[in-house]
Amino acid sequence: MKLPDLDIQTIDRVVEMAWEDRTPFSAIETQFGLKEKQVIALMRREMKASSFRMWRKRVTGRNTKHLAKRDFLEGRFRCKEQK
């Protein structure tokens, strides 16, 4: 999968947002233009294999990572760096 050229600070921020349970993939897409599959590819590239497997196990099926599956919108945490 082709990933856009990202600087190290942007990569660090995407990884941080991907690890956060309540940050949906759509927020990452809005801020950085990366679709969910691109975030997964970036995480696979940037993390150790065991860390990536742990992250994928955590994220798979998690309702909070997908806005359409959430049963709440009000009161969600929003980082000051997030658009």
C-alpha atoms as a PDB file:
ATOM      1  CA  MET A   1       0.000   0.000   0.000  1.00  0.00           C
ATOM      2  CA  LYS A   2       1.315   3.412  -0.969  1.00  0.00           C
ATOM      3  CA  LEU A   3       1.707   5.746   1.974  1.00  0.00           C
ATOM      4  CA  PRO A   4       2.233   9.483   1.579  1.00  0.00           C
ATOM      5  CA  ASP A   5       5.581  10.934   2.619  1.00  0.00           C
ATOM      6  CA  LEU A   6       5.214  11.946   6.263  1.00  0.00           C
ATOM      7  CA  ASP A   7       7.735  13.588   8.550  1.00  0.00           C
ATOM      8  CA  ILE A   8       8.716  11.880  11.807  1.00  0.00           C
ATOM      9  CA  GLN A   9       6.546  14.181  13.967  1.00  0.00           C
ATOM     10  CA  THR A  10       3.484  13.386  11.868  1.00  0.00           C
ATOM     11  CA  ILE A  11       4.183   9.660  12.029  1.00  0.00           C
ATOM     12  CA  ASP A  12       4.561   9.867  15.819  1.00  0.00           C
ATOM     13  CA  ARG A  13       1.254  11.733  16.116  1.00  0.00           C
ATOM     14  CA  VAL A  14      -0.606   9.257  13.882  1.00  0.00           C
ATOM     15  CA  VAL A  15       0.748   6.325  15.916  1.00  0.00           C
ATOM     16  CA  GLU A  16      -0.257   8.088  19.140  1.00  0.00           C
ATOM     17  CA  MET A  17      -3.778   8.766  17.856  1.00  0.00           C
ATOM     18  CA  ALA A  18      -4.125   5.186  16.571  1.00  0.00           C
ATOM     19  CA  TRP A  19      -3.240   3.822  20.033  1.00  0.00           C
ATOM     20  CA  GLU A  20      -5.855   6.040  21.737  1.00  0.00           C
ATOM     21  CA  ASP A  21      -9.031   4.041  22.275  1.00  0.00           C
ATOM     22  CA  ARG A  22     -11.439   6.915  21.780  1.00  0.00           C
ATOM     23  CA  THR A  23      -9.849   8.509  18.707  1.00  0.00           C
ATOM     24  CA  PRO A  24     -11.732   7.270  15.628  1.00  0.00           C
ATOM     25  CA  PHE A  25     -10.005   6.493  12.361  1.00  0.00           C
ATOM     26  CA  SER A  26     -12.086   9.236  10.750  1.00  0.00           C
ATOM     27  CA  ALA A  27     -10.339  11.823  12.965  1.00  0.00           C
ATOM     28  CA  ILE A  28      -6.976  10.586  11.712  1.00  0.00           C
ATOM     29  CA  GLU A  29      -8.255  10.746   8.148  1.00  0.00           C
ATOM     30  CA  THR A  30      -9.556  14.287   8.634  1.00  0.00           C
ATOM     31  CA  GLN A  31      -6.333  15.535  10.176  1.00  0.00           C
ATOM     32  CA  PHE A  32      -3.729  13.636   8.138  1.00  0.00           C
ATOM     33  CA  GLY A  33      -5.576  12.299   5.077  1.00  0.00           C
ATOM     34  CA  LEU A  34      -4.838   8.652   5.915  1.00  0.00           C
ATOM     35  CA  LYS A  35      -7.592   6.080   5.472  1.00  0.00           C
ATOM     36  CA  GLU A  36      -7.969   3.220   7.964  1.00  0.00           C
ATOM     37  CA  LYS A  37      -6.046   0.771   5.731  1.00  0.00           C
ATOM     38  CA  GLN A  38      -3.204   3.280   5.408  1.00  0.00           C
ATOM     39  CA  VAL A  39      -3.083   3.731   9.195  1.00  0.00           C
ATOM     40  CA  ILE A  40      -2.874  -0.042   9.587  1.00  0.00           C
ATOM     41  CA  ALA A  41      -0.050  -0.198   7.020  1.00  0.00           C
ATOM     42  CA  LEU A  42       1.771   2.646   8.785  1.00  0.00           C
ATOM     43  CA  MET A  43       1.417   0.935  12.166  1.00  0.00           C
ATOM     44  CA  ARG A  44       2.705  -2.332  10.668  1.00  0.00           C
ATOM     45  CA  ARG A  45       5.729  -0.510   9.216  1.00  0.00           C
ATOM     46  CA  GLU A  46       6.566   1.561  12.301  1.00  0.00           C
ATOM     47  CA  MET A  47       6.004  -0.957  15.096  1.00  0.00           C
ATOM     48  CA  LYS A  48       7.632  -4.181  16.177  1.00  0.00           C
ATOM     49  CA  ALA A  49       5.650  -7.209  15.017  1.00  0.00           C
ATOM     50  CA  SER A  50       4.512  -8.112  18.544  1.00  0.00           C
ATOM     51  CA  SER A  51       3.383  -4.548  19.262  1.00  0.00           C
ATOM     52  CA  PHE A  52       1.492  -4.418  15.979  1.00  0.00           C
ATOM     53  CA  ARG A  53      -0.309  -7.701  16.761  1.00  0.00           C
ATOM     54  CA  MET A  54      -1.245  -6.379  20.212  1.00  0.00           C
ATOM     55  CA  TRP A  55      -2.586  -3.152  18.690  1.00  0.00           C
ATOM     56  CA  ARG A  56      -4.579  -4.994  15.996  1.00  0.00           C
ATOM     57  CA  LYS A  57      -6.112  -7.303  18.596  1.00  0.00           C
ATOM     58  CA  ARG A  58      -7.120  -4.252  20.629  1.00  0.00           C
ATOM     59  CA  VAL A  59      -8.520  -2.234  17.730  1.00  0.00           C
ATOM     60  CA  THR A  60     -10.349  -4.987  15.851  1.00  0.00           C
ATOM     61  CA  GLY A  61     -14.048  -4.656  16.509  1.00  0.00           C
ATOM     62  CA  ARG A  62     -13.642  -1.724  18.890  1.00  0.00           C
ATOM     63  CA  ASN A  63     -16.695   0.493  18.457  1.00  0.00           C
ATOM     64  CA  THR A  64     -14.918   3.631  19.639  1.00  0.00           C
ATOM     65  CA  LYS A  65     -12.511   3.544  16.671  1.00  0.00           C
ATOM     66  CA  HIS A  66     -15.403   3.859  14.178  1.00  0.00           C
ATOM     67  CA  LEU A  67     -17.837   6.790  14.403  1.00  0.00           C
ATOM     68  CA  ALA A  68     -20.633   4.854  12.709  1.00  0.00           C
ATOM     69  CA  LYS A  69     -20.481   2.121  15.377  1.00  0.00           C
ATOM     70  CA  ARG A  70     -20.407   4.481  18.360  1.00  0.00           C
ATOM     71  CA  ASP A  71     -23.425   4.855  20.573  1.00  0.00           C
ATOM     72  CA  PHE A  72     -22.224   8.259  21.777  1.00  0.00           C
ATOM     73  CA  LEU A  73     -20.838  11.444  20.314  1.00  0.00           C
ATOM     74  CA  GLU A  74     -21.253  13.933  23.115  1.00  0.00           C
ATOM     75  CA  GLY A  75     -18.531  14.020  25.711  1.00  0.00           C
ATOM     76  CA  ARG A  76     -15.827  12.377  23.655  1.00  0.00           C
ATOM     77  CA  PHE A  77     -12.269  13.393  24.451  1.00  0.00           C
ATOM     78  CA  ARG A  78     -10.643  15.690  21.947  1.00  0.00           C
ATOM     79  CA  CYS A  79      -6.914  16.383  22.107  1.00  0.00           C
ATOM     80  CA  LYS A  80      -5.933  20.045  21.709  1.00  0.00           C
ATOM     81  CA  GLU A  81      -3.733  18.995  18.749  1.00  0.00           C
ATOM     82  CA  GLN A  82      -6.658  17.313  16.978  1.00  0.00           C
ATOM     83  CA  LYS A  83      -8.578  19.276  14.345  1.00  0.00           C
END
